[in-house]
Amino acid sequence: MKRLFNKLIRWTYREWAFHNISNQAQFEKLNEEIAELRKKPNDVMEYADVLMCVFILADRNFISYRKLKKAFRKKLKININRKWVKDSKGVNQHI
């Protein structure tokens, strides 16, 4: 995954369409991709689009793949040890 992350970041810096895009604009792109994923939850390519947007945002905010991986492991451990319940909308929430 680290190689893919680095390849994505190198590509975004080469591709003119990604130069000088604000965080806000990239968040808007992420929201668009999430909306597409909601429409096609069985389309693995939509998941890939969402991940790409997240990785680009992380890089733009000086968060490396290594930091993401470390945070992911830490957060997973935290979440495993939490108690979870469904709220009135059926969404899982930790208590």
C-alpha atoms as a PDB file:
ATOM      1  CA  MET A   1       0.000   0.000   0.000  1.00  0.00           C
ATOM      2  CA  LYS A   2       2.883   2.373   0.695  1.00  0.00           C
ATOM      3  CA  ARG A   3       4.028   2.114  -2.930  1.00  0.00           C
ATOM      4  CA  LEU A   4       0.536   2.932  -4.156  1.00  0.00           C
ATOM      5  CA  PHE A   5       0.326   5.889  -1.779  1.00  0.00           C
ATOM      6  CA  ASN A   6       3.668   7.242  -3.007  1.00  0.00           C
ATOM      7  CA  LYS A   7       2.749   6.664  -6.670  1.00  0.00           C
ATOM      8  CA  LEU A   8      -0.526   8.543  -6.167  1.00  0.00           C
ATOM      9  CA  ILE A   9       1.222  11.472  -4.530  1.00  0.00           C
ATOM     10  CA  ARG A  10       3.890  11.659  -7.262  1.00  0.00           C
ATOM     11  CA  TRP A  11       1.163  11.587  -9.916  1.00  0.00           C
ATOM     12  CA  THR A  12      -0.825  14.411  -8.275  1.00  0.00           C
ATOM     13  CA  TYR A  13       2.261  16.615  -8.255  1.00  0.00           C
ATOM     14  CA  ARG A  14       2.881  15.925 -11.963  1.00  0.00           C
ATOM     15  CA  GLU A  15      -0.730  16.362 -13.045  1.00  0.00           C
ATOM     16  CA  TRP A  16      -1.593  20.018 -13.688  1.00  0.00           C
ATOM     17  CA  ALA A  17      -5.198  19.605 -12.506  1.00  0.00           C
ATOM     18  CA  PHE A  18      -4.032  18.933  -8.949  1.00  0.00           C
ATOM     19  CA  HIS A  19      -1.694  21.911  -8.579  1.00  0.00           C
ATOM     20  CA  ASN A  20      -2.737  24.700  -6.239  1.00  0.00           C
ATOM     21  CA  ILE A  21      -5.987  23.077  -5.143  1.00  0.00           C
ATOM     22  CA  SER A  22      -7.098  24.161  -1.695  1.00  0.00           C
ATOM     23  CA  ASN A  23      -7.934  21.767   1.087  1.00  0.00           C
ATOM     24  CA  GLN A  24     -11.538  22.959   0.814  1.00  0.00           C
ATOM     25  CA  ALA A  25     -11.657  22.039  -2.878  1.00  0.00           C
ATOM     26  CA  GLN A  26     -10.164  18.623  -2.143  1.00  0.00           C
ATOM     27  CA  PHE A  27     -12.757  18.070   0.604  1.00  0.00           C
ATOM     28  CA  GLU A  28     -15.455  18.937  -1.933  1.00  0.00           C
ATOM     29  CA  LYS A  29     -13.994  16.312  -4.265  1.00  0.00           C
ATOM     30  CA  LEU A  30     -14.017  13.813  -1.396  1.00  0.00           C
ATOM     31  CA  ASN A  31     -17.685  14.609  -0.742  1.00  0.00           C
ATOM     32  CA  GLU A  32     -18.477  14.016  -4.434  1.00  0.00           C
ATOM     33  CA  GLU A  33     -16.710  10.663  -4.345  1.00  0.00           C
ATOM     34  CA  ILE A  34     -18.541   9.650  -1.164  1.00  0.00           C
ATOM     35  CA  ALA A  35     -21.847  10.551  -2.837  1.00  0.00           C
ATOM     36  CA  GLU A  36     -20.914   8.332  -5.790  1.00  0.00           C
ATOM     37  CA  LEU A  37     -19.988   5.528  -3.389  1.00  0.00           C
ATOM     38  CA  ARG A  38     -23.388   5.817  -1.689  1.00  0.00           C
ATOM     39  CA  LYS A  39     -25.037   5.334  -5.086  1.00  0.00           C
ATOM     40  CA  LYS A  40     -22.827   2.362  -5.983  1.00  0.00           C
ATOM     41  CA  PRO A  41     -21.811   0.623  -2.732  1.00  0.00           C
ATOM     42  CA  ASN A  42     -20.774  -2.543  -4.567  1.00  0.00           C
ATOM     43  CA  ASP A  43     -18.380  -0.759  -6.924  1.00  0.00           C
ATOM     44  CA  VAL A  44     -14.842  -1.270  -5.674  1.00  0.00           C
ATOM     45  CA  MET A  45     -13.608   1.560  -7.916  1.00  0.00           C
ATOM     46  CA  GLU A  46     -15.671   4.045  -5.909  1.00  0.00           C
ATOM     47  CA  TYR A  47     -13.919   2.900  -2.736  1.00  0.00           C
ATOM     48  CA  ALA A  48     -10.604   3.461  -4.493  1.00  0.00           C
ATOM     49  CA  ASP A  49     -11.656   7.017  -5.445  1.00  0.00           C
ATOM     50  CA  VAL A  50     -12.530   7.803  -1.822  1.00  0.00           C
ATOM     51  CA  LEU A  51      -9.195   6.414  -0.597  1.00  0.00           C
ATOM     52  CA  MET A  52      -7.308   8.454  -3.185  1.00  0.00           C
ATOM     53  CA  CYS A  53      -8.991  11.644  -2.016  1.00  0.00           C
ATOM     54  CA  VAL A  54      -8.181  10.857   1.614  1.00  0.00           C
ATOM     55  CA  PHE A  55      -4.541  10.083   0.781  1.00  0.00           C
ATOM     56  CA  ILE A  56      -4.184  13.304  -1.231  1.00  0.00           C
ATOM     57  CA  LEU A  57      -5.637  15.323   1.654  1.00  0.00           C
ATOM     58  CA  ALA A  58      -3.317  13.632   4.123  1.00  0.00           C
ATOM     59  CA  ASP A  59      -0.278  14.424   1.993  1.00  0.00           C
ATOM     60  CA  ARG A  60      -1.347  18.049   1.519  1.00  0.00           C
ATOM     61  CA  ASN A  61      -1.478  18.329   5.301  1.00  0.00           C
ATOM     62  CA  PHE A  62       1.978  16.802   5.770  1.00  0.00           C
ATOM     63  CA  ILE A  63       0.699  13.444   6.957  1.00  0.00           C
ATOM     64  CA  SER A  64       2.863  10.689   5.532  1.00  0.00           C
ATOM     65  CA  TYR A  65       1.862   7.132   4.767  1.00  0.00           C
ATOM     66  CA  ARG A  66       3.903   6.060   7.794  1.00  0.00           C
ATOM     67  CA  LYS A  67       1.968   8.412  10.076  1.00  0.00           C
ATOM     68  CA  LEU A  68      -1.343   7.235   8.611  1.00  0.00           C
ATOM     69  CA  LYS A  69      -0.428   3.599   9.126  1.00  0.00           C
ATOM     70  CA  LYS A  70       0.623   4.239  12.720  1.00  0.00           C
ATOM     71  CA  ALA A  71      -2.546   6.221  13.452  1.00  0.00           C
ATOM     72  CA  PHE A  72      -4.703   3.548  11.812  1.00  0.00           C
ATOM     73  CA  ARG A  73      -3.247   0.845  14.040  1.00  0.00           C
ATOM     74  CA  LYS A  74      -3.606   3.009  17.137  1.00  0.00           C
ATOM     75  CA  LYS A  75      -7.189   3.986  16.315  1.00  0.00           C
ATOM     76  CA  LEU A  76      -8.152   0.400  15.517  1.00  0.00           C
ATOM     77  CA  LYS A  77      -6.862  -0.689  18.920  1.00  0.00           C
ATOM     78  CA  ILE A  78      -8.824   2.122  20.599  1.00  0.00           C
ATOM     79  CA  ASN A  79     -12.011   1.243  18.708  1.00  0.00           C
ATOM     80  CA  ILE A  80     -11.697  -2.463  19.466  1.00  0.00           C
ATOM     81  CA  ASN A  81     -11.611  -1.623  23.167  1.00  0.00           C
ATOM     82  CA  ARG A  82     -14.619   0.709  23.071  1.00  0.00           C
ATOM     83  CA  LYS A  83     -18.207  -0.210  23.759  1.00  0.00           C
ATOM     84  CA  TRP A  84     -20.430   0.386  20.735  1.00  0.00           C
ATOM     85  CA  VAL A  85     -24.187   0.986  20.480  1.00  0.00           C
ATOM     86  CA  LYS A  86     -26.549   1.977  17.682  1.00  0.00           C
ATOM     87  CA  ASP A  87     -28.151   5.390  17.918  1.00  0.00           C
ATOM     88  CA  SER A  88     -31.735   6.205  16.923  1.00  0.00           C
ATOM     89  CA  LYS A  89     -30.689   6.386  13.242  1.00  0.00           C
ATOM     90  CA  GLY A  90     -29.040   2.969  13.373  1.00  0.00           C
ATOM     91  CA  VAL A  91     -25.536   4.429  13.283  1.00  0.00           C
ATOM     92  CA  ASN A  92     -22.859   2.829  15.453  1.00  0.00           C
ATOM     93  CA  GLN A  93     -21.518   5.164  18.134  1.00  0.00           C
ATOM     94  CA  HIS A  94     -18.994   4.565  20.869  1.00  0.00           C
ATOM     95  CA  ILE A  95     -19.946   5.336  24.429  1.00  0.00           C
END
